[in-house]
Amino acid sequence: MSSTNSNPRATAGNSVRSSGSGPRVNAPARPTQRPASSSSARPGSRPGLVKPAPKAKARKARLLVSKVDPWSVLKMSFLLSVALGIVTVVAAIVIWTVLDLTGIFDRVNQLLGEIAGSEGAGFDLRQFASLGQVVSFATIIAVVNVVLLTALAMLSAVLYNISSTLVGGIGVTLTDD
């Protein structure tokens, strides 16, 4: 490799000699003038760009919730209470499994055996609280919860509609961001 620089723009002159005995190569001429800038442009800003429009003020709308549709409240509360029921059953399964894996049932059986003394024939907590029984109980609680929450939400919607005819409803202010 030669120690000379082969980049034609890196040298000070307009011509560059190649490392061998070849002909001269002329470098391309550089432009000597910059484009004229407008006198109204600020320093540091790019010419030709348009200023952004000023932001509009946020609009506010004051609304009054004077009626709630009981049918839509019934549907929404039913779906949400079914989701809560599924969470209840899954949580019961997870808690029972964690208690079983950590040995809590065995410790409670030992504690109850010590309290009862040698007269006790042995107490097994898993007979009274097996996984099937816990899931069944959680399912019953979830179904009752679905019925009660749906009925309570429907009753609340009807009571709101009655009271809003007397009072006028709830005022809500909406804004644009």
Protein backbone atom coordinates (compact mmCIF):
# COMPACT_ATOMS: atom_id res chain seq x y z
CA MET A 1 0.00 0.00 0.00
CA SER A 2 1.13 3.45 -0.76
CA SER A 3 1.35 6.09 1.95
CA THR A 4 -0.19 8.76 -0.27
CA ASN A 5 -3.84 9.64 0.11
CA SER A 6 -5.95 8.45 -2.81
CA ASN A 7 -8.93 10.69 -1.98
CA PRO A 8 -8.93 13.58 -4.47
CA ARG A 9 -10.92 15.88 -2.17
CA ALA A 10 -8.50 15.51 0.72
CA THR A 11 -5.64 17.30 -1.04
CA ALA A 12 -5.28 21.04 -1.31
CA GLY A 13 -4.75 21.22 -5.07
CA ASN A 14 -7.16 20.66 -7.93
CA SER A 15 -5.17 17.85 -9.47
CA VAL A 16 -3.94 14.65 -7.96
CA ARG A 17 -1.11 12.47 -9.10
CA SER A 18 -1.76 8.81 -8.97
CA SER A 19 0.78 6.64 -7.23
CA GLY A 20 2.09 5.32 -10.55
CA SER A 21 3.32 7.07 -13.67
CA GLY A 22 -0.18 7.52 -15.13
CA PRO A 23 -1.85 10.66 -16.49
CA ARG A 24 -3.16 13.47 -14.28
CA VAL A 25 -6.72 13.30 -12.97
CA ASN A 26 -8.58 16.55 -12.41
CA ALA A 27 -10.75 16.77 -9.28
CA PRO A 28 -14.32 18.06 -9.71
CA ALA A 29 -14.72 21.76 -9.09
CA ARG A 30 -16.41 22.78 -5.83
CA PRO A 31 -19.18 25.35 -5.86
CA THR A 32 -17.91 28.67 -4.53
CA GLN A 33 -21.23 30.33 -3.61
CA ARG A 34 -23.93 29.41 -1.15
CA PRO A 35 -27.60 29.94 -1.95
CA ALA A 36 -28.81 33.37 -0.96
CA SER A 37 -30.79 33.43 2.25
CA SER A 38 -33.82 35.61 2.67
CA SER A 39 -33.40 38.67 4.87
CA SER A 40 -36.61 37.97 6.84
CA ALA A 41 -35.47 34.53 8.03
CA ARG A 42 -34.22 34.29 11.58
CA PRO A 43 -30.73 32.97 12.18
CA GLY A 44 -30.83 29.25 12.85
CA SER A 45 -34.14 28.68 11.06
CA ARG A 46 -34.41 26.92 7.76
CA PRO A 47 -35.57 29.00 4.81
CA GLY A 48 -38.68 27.94 3.01
CA LEU A 49 -40.43 26.34 6.00
CA VAL A 50 -43.91 27.47 6.92
CA LYS A 51 -44.75 28.41 10.49
CA PRO A 52 -47.15 25.99 12.15
CA ALA A 53 -50.62 27.26 12.83
CA PRO A 54 -51.28 28.30 16.42
CA LYS A 55 -53.07 25.70 18.53
CA ALA A 56 -56.78 26.14 18.80
CA LYS A 57 -58.22 26.69 22.24
CA ALA A 58 -59.72 23.62 23.88
CA ARG A 59 -63.44 23.41 23.38
CA LYS A 60 -65.65 22.62 26.35
CA ALA A 61 -69.08 21.07 26.19
CA ARG A 62 -71.27 20.89 29.27
CA LEU A 63 -73.64 17.94 29.02
CA LEU A 64 -76.36 16.60 31.28
CA VAL A 65 -76.87 12.86 31.78
CA SER A 66 -80.63 12.84 32.20
CA LYS A 67 -81.44 9.20 31.41
CA VAL A 68 -79.64 5.87 31.48
CA ASP A 69 -80.94 3.03 29.33
CA PRO A 70 -81.82 0.17 31.71
CA TRP A 71 -81.38 -2.49 29.00
CA SER A 72 -77.79 -1.43 28.28
CA VAL A 73 -77.06 -1.29 32.01
CA LEU A 74 -78.47 -4.82 32.35
CA LYS A 75 -76.30 -6.18 29.53
CA MET A 76 -73.12 -4.49 30.74
CA SER A 77 -73.61 -5.46 34.38
CA PHE A 78 -74.34 -9.06 33.37
CA LEU A 79 -71.11 -9.29 31.36
CA LEU A 80 -69.02 -7.69 34.09
CA SER A 81 -70.52 -9.89 36.81
CA VAL A 82 -69.91 -13.04 34.72
CA ALA A 83 -66.28 -11.95 34.36
CA LEU A 84 -66.12 -11.42 38.12
CA GLY A 85 -67.63 -14.89 38.64
CA ILE A 86 -64.96 -16.49 36.43
CA VAL A 87 -62.27 -14.65 38.38
CA THR A 88 -63.80 -15.92 41.63
CA VAL A 89 -63.72 -19.56 40.53
CA VAL A 90 -60.17 -19.33 39.16
CA ALA A 91 -58.98 -17.56 42.32
CA ALA A 92 -60.51 -20.30 44.49
CA ILE A 93 -58.70 -22.98 42.46
CA VAL A 94 -55.39 -21.12 42.65
CA ILE A 95 -55.65 -20.49 46.40
CA TRP A 96 -56.57 -24.12 47.14
CA THR A 97 -53.66 -25.35 45.01
CA VAL A 98 -51.19 -23.01 46.72
CA LEU A 99 -52.41 -24.07 50.16
CA ASP A 100 -52.07 -27.72 49.19
CA LEU A 101 -48.59 -27.33 47.67
CA THR A 102 -47.24 -25.39 50.66
CA GLY A 103 -48.47 -28.05 53.10
CA ILE A 104 -50.92 -25.85 55.00
CA PHE A 105 -53.54 -28.60 55.06
CA ASP A 106 -51.07 -31.02 56.70
CA ARG A 107 -50.08 -28.43 59.31
CA VAL A 108 -53.71 -27.69 60.14
CA ASN A 109 -54.37 -31.45 60.46
CA GLN A 110 -51.41 -31.75 62.86
CA LEU A 111 -52.57 -28.76 64.90
CA LEU A 112 -56.10 -30.10 65.19
CA GLY A 113 -54.72 -33.54 66.14
CA GLU A 114 -52.65 -31.96 68.94
CA ILE A 115 -55.62 -29.95 70.18
CA ALA A 116 -57.94 -32.96 70.18
CA GLY A 117 -55.29 -35.14 71.80
CA SER A 118 -54.97 -38.87 71.39
CA GLU A 119 -58.73 -39.35 71.67
CA GLY A 120 -59.30 -37.95 68.21
CA ALA A 121 -59.49 -40.53 65.46
CA GLY A 122 -57.56 -38.19 63.19
CA PHE A 123 -58.91 -35.20 61.35
CA ASP A 124 -58.35 -34.71 57.64
CA LEU A 125 -59.12 -31.24 56.35
CA ARG A 126 -59.03 -32.45 52.75
CA GLN A 127 -62.17 -34.51 53.38
CA PHE A 128 -64.10 -31.35 54.20
CA ALA A 129 -62.38 -29.01 51.77
CA SER A 130 -61.39 -31.02 48.74
CA LEU A 131 -60.71 -29.26 45.46
CA GLY A 132 -64.04 -30.38 44.00
CA GLN A 133 -65.97 -29.06 46.97
CA VAL A 134 -64.13 -25.74 46.92
CA VAL A 135 -64.77 -25.30 43.18
CA SER A 136 -68.45 -26.19 43.61
CA PHE A 137 -68.83 -23.69 46.45
CA ALA A 138 -67.03 -20.97 44.45
CA THR A 139 -69.27 -21.66 41.43
CA ILE A 140 -72.41 -21.36 43.55
CA ILE A 141 -71.14 -18.08 45.02
CA ALA A 142 -70.30 -16.81 41.50
CA VAL A 143 -73.77 -17.63 40.13
CA VAL A 144 -75.49 -15.94 43.08
CA ASN A 145 -73.17 -12.99 42.62
CA VAL A 146 -74.08 -12.69 38.91
CA VAL A 147 -77.79 -12.65 39.69
CA LEU A 148 -77.50 -10.17 42.56
CA LEU A 149 -75.14 -7.76 40.82
CA THR A 150 -77.22 -7.74 37.63
CA ALA A 151 -80.44 -7.09 39.55
CA LEU A 152 -78.79 -4.40 41.68
CA ALA A 153 -77.39 -2.60 38.61
CA MET A 154 -80.78 -2.72 36.88
CA LEU A 155 -82.49 -1.37 39.99
CA SER A 156 -79.87 1.38 40.25
CA ALA A 157 -80.51 2.42 36.64
CA VAL A 158 -84.26 2.61 37.19
CA LEU A 159 -83.82 4.59 40.41
CA TYR A 160 -81.41 6.96 38.67
CA ASN A 161 -83.93 7.60 35.89
CA ILE A 162 -86.66 8.35 38.44
CA SER A 163 -84.45 10.68 40.47
CA SER A 164 -83.05 12.43 37.38
CA THR A 165 -86.57 13.46 36.33
CA LEU A 166 -86.90 15.23 39.67
CA VAL A 167 -83.40 16.72 39.94
CA GLY A 168 -82.33 16.99 36.30
CA GLY A 169 -79.45 14.52 36.14
CA ILE A 170 -75.69 14.70 36.51
CA GLY A 171 -73.73 17.46 34.79
CA VAL A 172 -70.62 16.42 32.86
CA THR A 173 -68.08 18.73 31.19
CA LEU A 174 -66.21 17.34 28.17
CA THR A 175 -63.10 19.02 26.74
CA ASP A 176 -60.88 18.59 23.69
CA ASP A 177 -57.23 17.99 24.37
